């Protein structure tokens, strides 16, 4: 009987969830999302590649860097160990970058 009464009470309450994507969600200030990479600031020290716990950062011979967002756990170690000032890697609180194409997800960083 208690369950039925609780169900009826909750039936008339406003839902706790939001109607995303129609209602935009503001993430918490410390939320770690999309990677912003500034190649002009990068000195090629490779510390981000060395300290990445899952190997999501890869350097190539021609100085090109790949960030595999399919592997990335958004731990922010790449940003923390970056010796440049200002940092060449920054994690923002942007989280809207889902795509069905795996290659787009792998390359979905913002280069400035």
PDB file of N, CA and C in Angstrom:
ATOM      1  N   UNK A   1       0.803  -1.192   0.000  1.00  0.00           N
ATOM      2  CA  UNK A   1       0.000   0.000   0.000  1.00  0.00           C
ATOM      3  C   UNK A   1       0.854   1.269   0.000  1.00  0.00           C
ATOM      4  N   UNK A   2       1.996   1.223   0.705  1.00  0.00           N
ATOM      5  CA  UNK A   2       2.882   2.386   0.755  1.00  0.00           C
ATOM      6  C   UNK A   2       3.441   2.714  -0.629  1.00  0.00           C
ATOM      7  N   UNK A   3       3.733   1.690  -1.385  1.00  0.00           N
ATOM      8  CA  UNK A   3       4.305   1.891  -2.714  1.00  0.00           C
ATOM      9  C   UNK A   3       3.313   2.602  -3.624  1.00  0.00           C
ATOM     10  N   UNK A   4       2.063   2.238  -3.554  1.00  0.00           N
ATOM     11  CA  UNK A   4       1.049   2.856  -4.398  1.00  0.00           C
ATOM     12  C   UNK A   4       0.867   4.335  -4.042  1.00  0.00           C
ATOM     13  N   UNK A   5       0.866   4.644  -2.747  1.00  0.00           N
ATOM     14  CA  UNK A   5       0.720   6.033  -2.309  1.00  0.00           C
ATOM     15  C   UNK A   5       1.920   6.862  -2.777  1.00  0.00           C
ATOM     16  N   UNK A   6       3.114   6.315  -2.639  1.00  0.00           N
ATOM     17  CA  UNK A   6       4.332   7.012  -3.083  1.00  0.00           C
ATOM     18  C   UNK A   6       4.331   7.211  -4.596  1.00  0.00           C
ATOM     19  N   UNK A   7       3.862   6.229  -5.342  1.00  0.00           N
ATOM     20  CA  UNK A   7       3.783   6.341  -6.793  1.00  0.00           C
ATOM     21  C   UNK A   7       2.807   7.435  -7.205  1.00  0.00           C
ATOM     22  N   UNK A   8       1.688   7.521  -6.532  1.00  0.00           N
ATOM     23  CA  UNK A   8       0.693   8.555  -6.855  1.00  0.00           C
ATOM     24  C   UNK A   8       1.241   9.949  -6.520  1.00  0.00           C
ATOM     25  N   UNK A   9       1.955  10.089  -5.390  1.00  0.00           N
ATOM     26  CA  UNK A   9       2.562  11.377  -5.034  1.00  0.00           C
ATOM     27  C   UNK A   9       3.572  11.808  -6.098  1.00  0.00           C
ATOM     28  N   UNK A  10       4.416  10.884  -6.527  1.00  0.00           N
ATOM     29  CA  UNK A  10       5.459  11.210  -7.502  1.00  0.00           C
ATOM     30  C   UNK A  10       4.908  11.456  -8.897  1.00  0.00           C
ATOM     31  N   UNK A  11       3.729  10.934  -9.164  1.00  0.00           N
ATOM     32  CA  UNK A  11       3.122  11.120 -10.480  1.00  0.00           C
ATOM     33  C   UNK A  11       2.829  12.595 -10.755  1.00  0.00           C
ATOM     34  N   UNK A  12       2.546  13.366  -9.717  1.00  0.00           N
ATOM     35  CA  UNK A  12       2.194  14.779  -9.874  1.00  0.00           C
ATOM     36  C   UNK A  12       3.375  15.721  -9.659  1.00  0.00           C
ATOM     37  N   UNK A  13       4.528  15.205  -9.291  1.00  0.00           N
ATOM     38  CA  UNK A  13       5.716  16.048  -9.116  1.00  0.00           C
ATOM     39  C   UNK A  13       6.389  16.314 -10.458  1.00  0.00           C
ATOM     40  N   UNK A  14       7.161  17.386 -10.478  1.00  0.00           N
ATOM     41  CA  UNK A  14       7.940  17.732 -11.665  1.00  0.00           C
ATOM     42  C   UNK A  14       9.078  16.715 -11.815  1.00  0.00           C
ATOM     43  N   UNK A  15       9.383  16.261 -13.042  1.00  0.00           N
ATOM     44  CA  UNK A  15      10.454  15.276 -13.205  1.00  0.00           C
ATOM     45  C   UNK A  15      11.821  15.838 -12.798  1.00  0.00           C
ATOM     46  N   UNK A  16      12.656  14.982 -12.279  1.00  0.00           N
ATOM     47  CA  UNK A  16      13.992  15.390 -11.843  1.00  0.00           C
ATOM     48  C   UNK A  16      14.926  15.576 -13.040  1.00  0.00           C
ATOM     49  N   UNK A  17      14.731  14.799 -14.076  1.00  0.00           N
ATOM     50  CA  UNK A  17      15.612  14.863 -15.247  1.00  0.00           C
ATOM     51  C   UNK A  17      15.243  16.041 -16.144  1.00  0.00           C
ATOM     52  N   UNK A  18      16.201  16.435 -17.002  1.00  0.00           N
ATOM     53  CA  UNK A  18      15.985  17.528 -17.949  1.00  0.00           C
ATOM     54  C   UNK A  18      15.715  16.963 -19.329  1.00  0.00           C
ATOM     55  N   UNK A  19      15.081  17.746 -20.161  1.00  0.00           N
ATOM     56  CA  UNK A  19      14.787  17.321 -21.526  1.00  0.00           C
ATOM     57  C   UNK A  19      15.936  17.723 -22.440  1.00  0.00           C
ATOM     58  N   UNK A  20      17.075  17.071 -22.251  1.00  0.00           N
ATOM     59  CA  UNK A  20      18.247  17.341 -23.069  1.00  0.00           C
ATOM     60  C   UNK A  20      18.044  16.710 -24.438  1.00  0.00           C
ATOM     61  N   UNK A  21      18.377  17.325 -25.521  1.00  0.00           N
ATOM     62  CA  UNK A  21      19.153  18.544 -25.758  1.00  0.00           C
ATOM     63  C   UNK A  21      18.313  19.808 -25.867  1.00  0.00           C
ATOM     64  N   UNK A  22      17.001  19.731 -25.698  1.00  0.00           N
ATOM     65  CA  UNK A  22      16.178  20.946 -25.780  1.00  0.00           C
ATOM     66  C   UNK A  22      16.500  21.903 -24.646  1.00  0.00           C
ATOM     67  N   UNK A  23      16.666  21.390 -23.448  1.00  0.00           N
ATOM     68  CA  UNK A  23      17.081  22.198 -22.304  1.00  0.00           C
ATOM     69  C   UNK A  23      18.565  21.964 -22.089  1.00  0.00           C
ATOM     70  N   UNK A  24      19.357  22.993 -22.261  1.00  0.00           N
ATOM     71  CA  UNK A  24      20.808  22.857 -22.132  1.00  0.00           C
ATOM     72  C   UNK A  24      21.214  22.614 -20.683  1.00  0.00           C
ATOM     73  N   UNK A  25      22.215  21.784 -20.520  1.00  0.00           N
ATOM     74  CA  UNK A  25      22.736  21.437 -19.204  1.00  0.00           C
ATOM     75  C   UNK A  25      24.027  22.213 -18.977  1.00  0.00           C
ATOM     76  N   UNK A  26      24.149  22.833 -17.827  1.00  0.00           N
ATOM     77  CA  UNK A  26      25.382  23.520 -17.468  1.00  0.00           C
ATOM     78  C   UNK A  26      26.194  22.598 -16.571  1.00  0.00           C
ATOM     79  N   UNK A  27      27.385  22.163 -17.034  1.00  0.00           N
ATOM     80  CA  UNK A  27      28.174  21.258 -16.194  1.00  0.00           C
ATOM     81  C   UNK A  27      28.764  21.973 -14.983  1.00  0.00           C
ATOM     82  N   UNK A  28      29.178  21.210 -14.027  1.00  0.00           N
ATOM     83  CA  UNK A  28      29.819  21.754 -12.840  1.00  0.00           C
ATOM     84  C   UNK A  28      31.135  22.429 -13.230  1.00  0.00           C
ATOM     85  N   UNK A  29      31.607  23.408 -12.472  1.00  0.00           N
ATOM     86  CA  UNK A  29      32.818  24.144 -12.843  1.00  0.00           C
ATOM     87  C   UNK A  29      34.067  23.265 -12.987  1.00  0.00           C
ATOM     88  N   UNK A  30      34.174  22.199 -12.232  1.00  0.00           N
ATOM     89  CA  UNK A  30      35.363  21.339 -12.307  1.00  0.00           C
ATOM     90  C   UNK A  30      35.209  20.180 -13.279  1.00  0.00           C
ATOM     91  N   UNK A  31      34.145  20.185 -14.072  1.00  0.00           N
ATOM     92  CA  UNK A  31      33.912  19.138 -15.061  1.00  0.00           C
ATOM     93  C   UNK A  31      34.994  19.192 -16.139  1.00  0.00           C
ATOM     94  N   UNK A  32      35.522  18.035 -16.538  1.00  0.00           N
ATOM     95  CA  UNK A  32      36.562  17.954 -17.563  1.00  0.00           C
ATOM     96  C   UNK A  32      35.958  17.397 -18.844  1.00  0.00           C
ATOM     97  N   UNK A  33      36.025  18.172 -19.896  1.00  0.00           N
ATOM     98  CA  UNK A  33      35.429  17.763 -21.164  1.00  0.00           C
ATOM     99  C   UNK A  33      36.402  17.855 -22.317  1.00  0.00           C
ATOM    100  N   UNK A  34      35.980  18.501 -23.386  1.00  0.00           N
ATOM    101  CA  UNK A  34      36.728  18.572 -24.647  1.00  0.00           C
ATOM    102  C   UNK A  34      38.151  19.108 -24.456  1.00  0.00           C
ATOM    103  N   UNK A  35      39.084  18.515 -25.203  1.00  0.00           N
ATOM    104  CA  UNK A  35      40.480  18.937 -25.157  1.00  0.00           C
ATOM    105  C   UNK A  35      40.701  20.072 -26.146  1.00  0.00           C
ATOM    106  N   UNK A  36      41.310  21.136 -25.666  1.00  0.00           N
ATOM    107  CA  UNK A  36      41.730  22.238 -26.526  1.00  0.00           C
ATOM    108  C   UNK A  36      43.248  22.157 -26.628  1.00  0.00           C
ATOM    109  N   UNK A  37      43.755  22.056 -27.843  1.00  0.00           N
ATOM    110  CA  UNK A  37      45.198  21.925 -28.062  1.00  0.00           C
ATOM    111  C   UNK A  37      45.693  23.145 -28.825  1.00  0.00           C
ATOM    112  N   UNK A  38      46.768  23.731 -28.337  1.00  0.00           N
ATOM    113  CA  UNK A  38      47.384  24.905 -28.945  1.00  0.00           C
ATOM    114  C   UNK A  38      48.749  24.493 -29.504  1.00  0.00           C
ATOM    115  N   UNK A  39      48.832  24.087 -30.781  1.00  0.00           N
ATOM    116  CA  UNK A  39      50.085  23.554 -31.324  1.00  0.00           C
ATOM    117  C   UNK A  39      51.231  24.568 -31.351  1.00  0.00           C
ATOM    118  N   UNK A  40      50.916  25.857 -31.426  1.00  0.00           N
ATOM    119  CA  UNK A  40      51.983  26.870 -31.445  1.00  0.00           C
ATOM    120  C   UNK A  40      52.685  26.983 -30.101  1.00  0.00           C
ATOM    121  N   UNK A  41      52.009  26.607 -29.035  1.00  0.00           N
ATOM    122  CA  UNK A  41      52.604  26.664 -27.694  1.00  0.00           C
ATOM    123  C   UNK A  41      53.383  25.395 -27.352  1.00  0.00           C
ATOM    124  N   UNK A  42      53.110  24.301 -28.063  1.00  0.00           N
ATOM    125  CA  UNK A  42      53.717  22.999 -27.749  1.00  0.00           C
ATOM    126  C   UNK A  42      55.209  23.019 -28.066  1.00  0.00           C
ATOM    127  N   UNK A  43      56.031  22.546 -27.121  1.00  0.00           N
ATOM    128  CA  UNK A  43      57.482  22.496 -27.328  1.00  0.00           C
ATOM    129  C   UNK A  43      57.958  21.080 -27.662  1.00  0.00           C
ATOM    130  N   UNK A  44      57.052  20.129 -27.733  1.00  0.00           N
ATOM    131  CA  UNK A  44      57.401  18.757 -28.120  1.00  0.00           C
ATOM    132  C   UNK A  44      58.136  17.968 -27.057  1.00  0.00           C
ATOM    133  N   UNK A  45      57.893  18.233 -25.799  1.00  0.00           N
ATOM    134  CA  UNK A  45      58.588  17.533 -24.716  1.00  0.00           C
ATOM    135  C   UNK A  45      58.070  16.111 -24.513  1.00  0.00           C
ATOM    136  N   UNK A  46      56.884  15.812 -25.010  1.00  0.00           N
ATOM    137  CA  UNK A  46      56.252  14.497 -24.949  1.00  0.00           C
ATOM    138  C   UNK A  46      55.866  14.031 -23.536  1.00  0.00           C
ATOM    139  N   UNK A  47      55.836  14.946 -22.587  1.00  0.00           N
ATOM    140  CA  UNK A  47      55.432  14.570 -21.228  1.00  0.00           C
ATOM    141  C   UNK A  47      53.974  14.137 -21.178  1.00  0.00           C
ATOM    142  N   UNK A  48      53.133  14.767 -21.992  1.00  0.00           N
ATOM    143  CA  UNK A  48      51.721  14.386 -22.004  1.00  0.00           C
ATOM    144  C   UNK A  48      51.565  12.940 -22.475  1.00  0.00           C
ATOM    145  N   UNK A  49      52.353  12.539 -23.456  1.00  0.00           N
ATOM    146  CA  UNK A  49      52.308  11.157 -23.945  1.00  0.00           C
ATOM    147  C   UNK A  49      52.826  10.190 -22.883  1.00  0.00           C
ATOM    148  N   UNK A  50      53.881  10.591 -22.200  1.00  0.00           N
ATOM    149  CA  UNK A  50      54.498   9.728 -21.185  1.00  0.00           C
ATOM    150  C   UNK A  50      53.578   9.501 -19.978  1.00  0.00           C
ATOM    151  N   UNK A  51      52.886  10.552 -19.547  1.00  0.00           N
ATOM    152  CA  UNK A  51      52.087  10.466 -18.325  1.00  0.00           C
ATOM    153  C   UNK A  51      50.639  10.045 -18.557  1.00  0.00           C
ATOM    154  N   UNK A  52      50.204   9.946 -19.798  1.00  0.00           N
ATOM    155  CA  UNK A  52      48.829   9.533 -20.064  1.00  0.00           C
ATOM    156  C   UNK A  52      48.651   8.075 -19.638  1.00  0.00           C
ATOM    157  N   UNK A  53      47.774   7.788 -18.670  1.00  0.00           N
ATOM    158  CA  UNK A  53      47.653   6.429 -18.146  1.00  0.00           C
ATOM    159  C   UNK A  53      47.060   5.424 -19.133  1.00  0.00           C
ATOM    160  N   UNK A  54      46.346   5.887 -20.160  1.00  0.00           N
ATOM    161  CA  UNK A  54      45.713   4.969 -21.103  1.00  0.00           C
ATOM    162  C   UNK A  54      46.299   5.057 -22.512  1.00  0.00           C
ATOM    163  N   UNK A  55      47.295   5.906 -22.714  1.00  0.00           N
ATOM    164  CA  UNK A  55      47.929   6.023 -24.029  1.00  0.00           C
ATOM    165  C   UNK A  55      47.069   6.731 -25.061  1.00  0.00           C
ATOM    166  N   UNK A  56      46.283   7.708 -24.638  1.00  0.00           N
ATOM    167  CA  UNK A  56      45.407   8.422 -25.566  1.00  0.00           C
ATOM    168  C   UNK A  56      46.138   9.503 -26.355  1.00  0.00           C
ATOM    169  N   UNK A  57      47.352   9.867 -25.927  1.00  0.00           N
ATOM    170  CA  UNK A  57      48.137  10.892 -26.615  1.00  0.00           C
ATOM    171  C   UNK A  57      49.261  10.195 -27.382  1.00  0.00           C
ATOM    172  N   UNK A  58      49.343  10.460 -28.676  1.00  0.00           N
ATOM    173  CA  UNK A  58      50.371   9.845 -29.525  1.00  0.00           C
ATOM    174  C   UNK A  58      51.100  10.919 -30.319  1.00  0.00           C
ATOM    175  N   UNK A  59      52.425  10.881 -30.281  1.00  0.00           N
ATOM    176  CA  UNK A  59      53.257  11.771 -31.089  1.00  0.00           C
ATOM    177  C   UNK A  59      53.682  11.036 -32.352  1.00  0.00           C
ATOM    178  N   UNK A  60      53.780  11.767 -33.449  1.00  0.00           N
ATOM    179  CA  UNK A  60      54.253  11.205 -34.702  1.00  0.00           C
ATOM    180  C   UNK A  60      55.590  11.852 -35.067  1.00  0.00           C
ATOM    181  N   UNK A  61      56.292  11.273 -36.016  1.00  0.00           N
ATOM    182  CA  UNK A  61      57.622  11.748 -36.388  1.00  0.00           C
ATOM    183  C   UNK A  61      57.637  13.185 -36.889  1.00  0.00           C
ATOM    184  N   UNK A  62      56.599  13.611 -37.558  1.00  0.00           N
ATOM    185  CA  UNK A  62      56.576  14.953 -38.126  1.00  0.00           C
ATOM    186  C   UNK A  62      56.082  16.001 -37.130  1.00  0.00           C
ATOM    187  N   UNK A  63      56.058  15.695 -35.855  1.00  0.00           N
ATOM    188  CA  UNK A  63      55.628  16.644 -34.839  1.00  0.00           C
ATOM    189  C   UNK A  63      54.126  16.734 -34.667  1.00  0.00           C
ATOM    190  N   UNK A  64      53.397  15.843 -35.294  1.00  0.00           N
ATOM    191  CA  UNK A  64      51.939  15.839 -35.183  1.00  0.00           C
ATOM    192  C   UNK A  64      51.531  15.051 -33.938  1.00  0.00           C
ATOM    193  N   UNK A  65      50.489  15.517 -33.278  1.00  0.00           N
ATOM    194  CA  UNK A  65      50.000  14.869 -32.067  1.00  0.00           C
ATOM    195  C   UNK A  65      48.564  14.425 -32.300  1.00  0.00           C
ATOM    196  N   UNK A  66      48.237  13.196 -31.900  1.00  0.00           N
ATOM    197  CA  UNK A  66      46.870  12.681 -31.970  1.00  0.00           C
ATOM    198  C   UNK A  66      46.352  12.454 -30.558  1.00  0.00           C
ATOM    199  N   UNK A  67      45.125  12.879 -30.330  1.00  0.00           N
ATOM    200  CA  UNK A  67      44.437  12.621 -29.071  1.00  0.00           C
ATOM    201  C   UNK A  67      43.290  11.674 -29.393  1.00  0.00           C
ATOM    202  N   UNK A  68      43.324  10.475 -28.849  1.00  0.00           N
ATOM    203  CA  UNK A  68      42.263   9.500 -29.077  1.00  0.00           C
ATOM    204  C   UNK A  68      41.221   9.661 -27.974  1.00  0.00           C
ATOM    205  N   UNK A  69      40.147  10.376 -28.288  1.00  0.00           N
ATOM    206  CA  UNK A  69      39.124  10.626 -27.278  1.00  0.00           C
ATOM    207  C   UNK A  69      38.297   9.388 -26.967  1.00  0.00           C
ATOM    208  N   UNK A  70      38.423   8.365 -27.782  1.00  0.00           N
ATOM    209  CA  UNK A  70      37.777   7.096 -27.471  1.00  0.00           C
ATOM    210  C   UNK A  70      38.472   6.390 -26.316  1.00  0.00           C
ATOM    211  N   UNK A  71      39.767   6.659 -26.145  1.00  0.00           N
ATOM    212  CA  UNK A  71      40.532   6.081 -25.033  1.00  0.00           C
ATOM    213  C   UNK A  71      40.616   7.010 -23.823  1.00  0.00           C
ATOM    214  N   UNK A  72      40.559   8.297 -24.072  1.00  0.00           N
ATOM    215  CA  UNK A  72      40.804   9.295 -23.027  1.00  0.00           C
ATOM    216  C   UNK A  72      39.826   9.130 -21.857  1.00  0.00           C
ATOM    217  N   UNK A  73      40.359   9.185 -20.641  1.00  0.00           N
ATOM    218  CA  UNK A  73      39.515   9.107 -19.437  1.00  0.00           C
ATOM    219  C   UNK A  73      39.376  10.482 -18.778  1.00  0.00           C
ATOM    220  N   UNK A  74      39.861  11.529 -19.439  1.00  0.00           N
ATOM    221  CA  UNK A  74      39.725  12.916 -18.997  1.00  0.00           C
ATOM    222  C   UNK A  74      40.229  13.114 -17.571  1.00  0.00           C
ATOM    223  N   UNK A  75      41.423  12.595 -17.308  1.00  0.00           N
ATOM    224  CA  UNK A  75      42.007  12.693 -15.973  1.00  0.00           C
ATOM    225  C   UNK A  75      42.782  13.991 -15.775  1.00  0.00           C
ATOM    226  N   UNK A  76      43.093  14.694 -16.858  1.00  0.00           N
ATOM    227  CA  UNK A  76      43.764  15.996 -16.852  1.00  0.00           C
ATOM    228  C   UNK A  76      45.261  15.896 -16.564  1.00  0.00           C
ATOM    229  N   UNK A  77      45.832  14.706 -16.574  1.00  0.00           N
ATOM    230  CA  UNK A  77      47.269  14.593 -16.344  1.00  0.00           C
ATOM    231  C   UNK A  77      48.065  15.251 -17.470  1.00  0.00           C
ATOM    232  N   UNK A  78      47.574  15.178 -18.697  1.00  0.00           N
ATOM    233  CA  UNK A  78      48.285  15.794 -19.821  1.00  0.00           C
ATOM    234  C   UNK A  78      48.390  17.307 -19.622  1.00  0.00           C
ATOM    235  N   UNK A  79      47.351  17.916 -19.115  1.00  0.00           N
ATOM    236  CA  UNK A  79      47.387  19.355 -18.849  1.00  0.00           C
ATOM    237  C   UNK A  79      48.283  19.672 -17.658  1.00  0.00           C
ATOM    238  N   UNK A  80      48.214  18.843 -16.624  1.00  0.00           N
ATOM    239  CA  UNK A  80      48.995  19.099 -15.414  1.00  0.00           C
ATOM    240  C   UNK A  80      50.503  19.020 -15.649  1.00  0.00           C
ATOM    241  N   UNK A  81      50.953  18.079 -16.479  1.00  0.00           N
ATOM    242  CA  UNK A  81      52.397  17.915 -16.680  1.00  0.00           C
ATOM    243  C   UNK A  81      52.952  18.813 -17.773  1.00  0.00           C
ATOM    244  N   UNK A  82      52.112  19.506 -18.513  1.00  0.00           N
ATOM    245  CA  UNK A  82      52.572  20.379 -19.591  1.00  0.00           C
ATOM    246  C   UNK A  82      53.396  21.526 -18.999  1.00  0.00           C
ATOM    247  N   UNK A  83      54.679  21.657 -19.410  1.00  0.00           N
ATOM    248  CA  UNK A  83      55.546  22.673 -18.808  1.00  0.00           C
ATOM    249  C   UNK A  83      55.373  24.082 -19.386  1.00  0.00           C
ATOM    250  N   UNK A  84      54.641  24.227 -20.486  1.00  0.00           N
ATOM    251  CA  UNK A  84      54.527  25.546 -21.100  1.00  0.00           C
ATOM    252  C   UNK A  84      53.609  26.450 -20.286  1.00  0.00           C
ATOM    253  N   UNK A  85      53.863  27.730 -20.390  1.00  0.00           N
ATOM    254  CA  UNK A  85      53.035  28.707 -19.700  1.00  0.00           C
ATOM    255  C   UNK A  85      52.700  29.820 -20.678  1.00  0.00           C
ATOM    256  N   UNK A  86      51.493  29.934 -21.172  1.00  0.00           N
ATOM    257  CA  UNK A  86      50.278  29.193 -20.851  1.00  0.00           C
ATOM    258  C   UNK A  86      50.308  27.777 -21.422  1.00  0.00           C
ATOM    259  N   UNK A  87      49.503  26.917 -20.885  1.00  0.00           N
ATOM    260  CA  UNK A  87      49.477  25.495 -21.246  1.00  0.00           C
ATOM    261  C   UNK A  87      49.119  25.291 -22.720  1.00  0.00           C
ATOM    262  N   UNK A  88      49.730  24.280 -23.339  1.00  0.00           N
ATOM    263  CA  UNK A  88      49.389  23.956 -24.723  1.00  0.00           C
ATOM    264  C   UNK A  88      48.209  22.993 -24.797  1.00  0.00           C
ATOM    265  N   UNK A  89      47.857  22.361 -23.677  1.00  0.00           N
ATOM    266  CA  UNK A  89      46.690  21.478 -23.600  1.00  0.00           C
ATOM    267  C   UNK A  89      45.802  21.972 -22.468  1.00  0.00           C
ATOM    268  N   UNK A  90      44.543  22.193 -22.778  1.00  0.00           N
ATOM    269  CA  UNK A  90      43.570  22.607 -21.772  1.00  0.00           C
ATOM    270  C   UNK A  90      42.319  21.771 -21.928  1.00  0.00           C
ATOM    271  N   UNK A  91      41.735  21.349 -20.835  1.00  0.00           N
ATOM    272  CA  UNK A  91      40.457  20.643 -20.866  1.00  0.00           C
ATOM    273  C   UNK A  91      39.361  21.625 -20.482  1.00  0.00           C
ATOM    274  N   UNK A  92      38.363  21.739 -21.338  1.00  0.00           N
ATOM    275  CA  UNK A  92      37.263  22.669 -21.074  1.00  0.00           C
ATOM    276  C   UNK A  92      36.107  21.907 -20.442  1.00  0.00           C
ATOM    277  N   UNK A  93      35.009  22.612 -20.203  1.00  0.00           N
ATOM    278  CA  UNK A  93      33.834  21.924 -19.657  1.00  0.00           C
ATOM    279  C   UNK A  93      32.793  21.653 -20.749  1.00  0.00           C
ATOM    280  N   UNK A  94      33.206  21.697 -22.013  1.00  0.00           N
ATOM    281  CA  UNK A  94      32.327  21.384 -23.132  1.00  0.00           C
ATOM    282  C   UNK A  94      32.237  19.863 -23.276  1.00  0.00           C
ATOM    283  N   UNK A  95      31.029  19.337 -23.354  1.00  0.00           N
ATOM    284  CA  UNK A  95      30.871  17.885 -23.420  1.00  0.00           C
ATOM    285  C   UNK A  95      30.068  17.420 -24.623  1.00  0.00           C
ATOM    286  N   UNK A  96      29.622  18.312 -25.463  1.00  0.00           N
ATOM    287  CA  UNK A  96      28.747  17.940 -26.576  1.00  0.00           C
ATOM    288  C   UNK A  96      29.566  17.648 -27.835  1.00  0.00           C
ATOM    289  N   UNK A  97      30.115  16.467 -27.921  1.00  0.00           N
ATOM    290  CA  UNK A  97      30.866  16.101 -29.118  1.00  0.00           C
ATOM    291  C   UNK A  97      30.667  14.633 -29.492  1.00  0.00           C
ATOM    292  N   UNK A  98      29.504  14.110 -29.203  1.00  0.00           N
ATOM    293  CA  UNK A  98      29.201  12.728 -29.558  1.00  0.00           C
ATOM    294  C   UNK A  98      28.966  12.618 -31.061  1.00  0.00           C
ATOM    295  N   UNK A  99      29.392  11.498 -31.631  1.00  0.00           N
ATOM    296  CA  UNK A  99      29.202  11.274 -33.061  1.00  0.00           C
ATOM    297  C   UNK A  99      29.223   9.777 -33.311  1.00  0.00           C
ATOM    298  N   UNK A 100      28.518   9.352 -34.347  1.00  0.00           N
ATOM    299  CA  UNK A 100      28.506   7.933 -34.701  1.00  0.00           C
ATOM    300  C   UNK A 100      29.779   7.517 -35.424  1.00  0.00           C
ATOM    301  N   UNK A 101      30.492   8.465 -36.004  1.00  0.00           N
ATOM    302  CA  UNK A 101      31.717   8.187 -36.738  1.00  0.00           C
ATOM    303  C   UNK A 101      32.901   8.141 -35.762  1.00  0.00           C
ATOM    304  N   UNK A 102      33.541   6.999 -35.636  1.00  0.00           N
ATOM    305  CA  UNK A 102      34.623   6.804 -34.676  1.00  0.00           C
ATOM    306  C   UNK A 102      35.835   7.683 -34.990  1.00  0.00           C
ATOM    307  N   UNK A 103      36.119   7.906 -36.266  1.00  0.00           N
ATOM    308  CA  UNK A 103      37.252   8.747 -36.643  1.00  0.00           C
ATOM    309  C   UNK A 103      37.042  10.195 -36.202  1.00  0.00           C
ATOM    310  N   UNK A 104      35.814  10.684 -36.275  1.00  0.00           N
ATOM    311  CA  UNK A 104      35.541  12.046 -35.824  1.00  0.00           C
ATOM    312  C   UNK A 104      35.755  12.160 -34.318  1.00  0.00           C
ATOM    313  N   UNK A 105      35.376  11.137 -33.569  1.00  0.00           N
ATOM    314  CA  UNK A 105      35.569  11.159 -32.125  1.00  0.00           C
ATOM    315  C   UNK A 105      37.054  11.128 -31.801  1.00  0.00           C
ATOM    316  N   UNK A 106      37.798  10.344 -32.527  1.00  0.00           N
ATOM    317  CA  UNK A 106      39.240  10.236 -32.291  1.00  0.00           C
ATOM    318  C   UNK A 106      39.936  11.567 -32.530  1.00  0.00           C
ATOM    319  N   UNK A 107      39.503  12.311 -33.521  1.00  0.00           N
ATOM    320  CA  UNK A 107      40.170  13.556 -33.885  1.00  0.00           C
ATOM    321  C   UNK A 107      39.452  14.791 -33.346  1.00  0.00           C
ATOM    322  N   UNK A 108      38.441  14.616 -32.524  1.00  0.00           N
ATOM    323  CA  UNK A 108      37.576  15.721 -32.129  1.00  0.00           C
ATOM    324  C   UNK A 108      38.190  16.551 -31.009  1.00  0.00           C
ATOM    325  N   UNK A 109      39.259  17.258 -31.322  1.00  0.00           N
ATOM    326  CA  UNK A 109      39.839  18.222 -30.399  1.00  0.00           C
ATOM    327  C   UNK A 109      39.828  19.564 -31.109  1.00  0.00           C
ATOM    328  N   UNK A 110      39.962  20.605 -30.373  1.00  0.00           N
ATOM    329  CA  UNK A 110      39.964  21.934 -30.958  1.00  0.00           C
ATOM    330  C   UNK A 110      41.394  22.450 -30.965  1.00  0.00           C
ATOM    331  N   UNK A 111      41.912  22.685 -32.153  1.00  0.00           N
ATOM    332  CA  UNK A 111      43.251  23.268 -32.276  1.00  0.00           C
ATOM    333  C   UNK A 111      43.109  24.759 -32.492  1.00  0.00           C
ATOM    334  N   UNK A 112      43.846  25.513 -31.702  1.00  0.00           N
ATOM    335  CA  UNK A 112      43.756  26.981 -31.808  1.00  0.00           C
ATOM    336  C   UNK A 112      45.084  27.561 -32.192  1.00  0.00           C
TER     337      UNK A 112
END
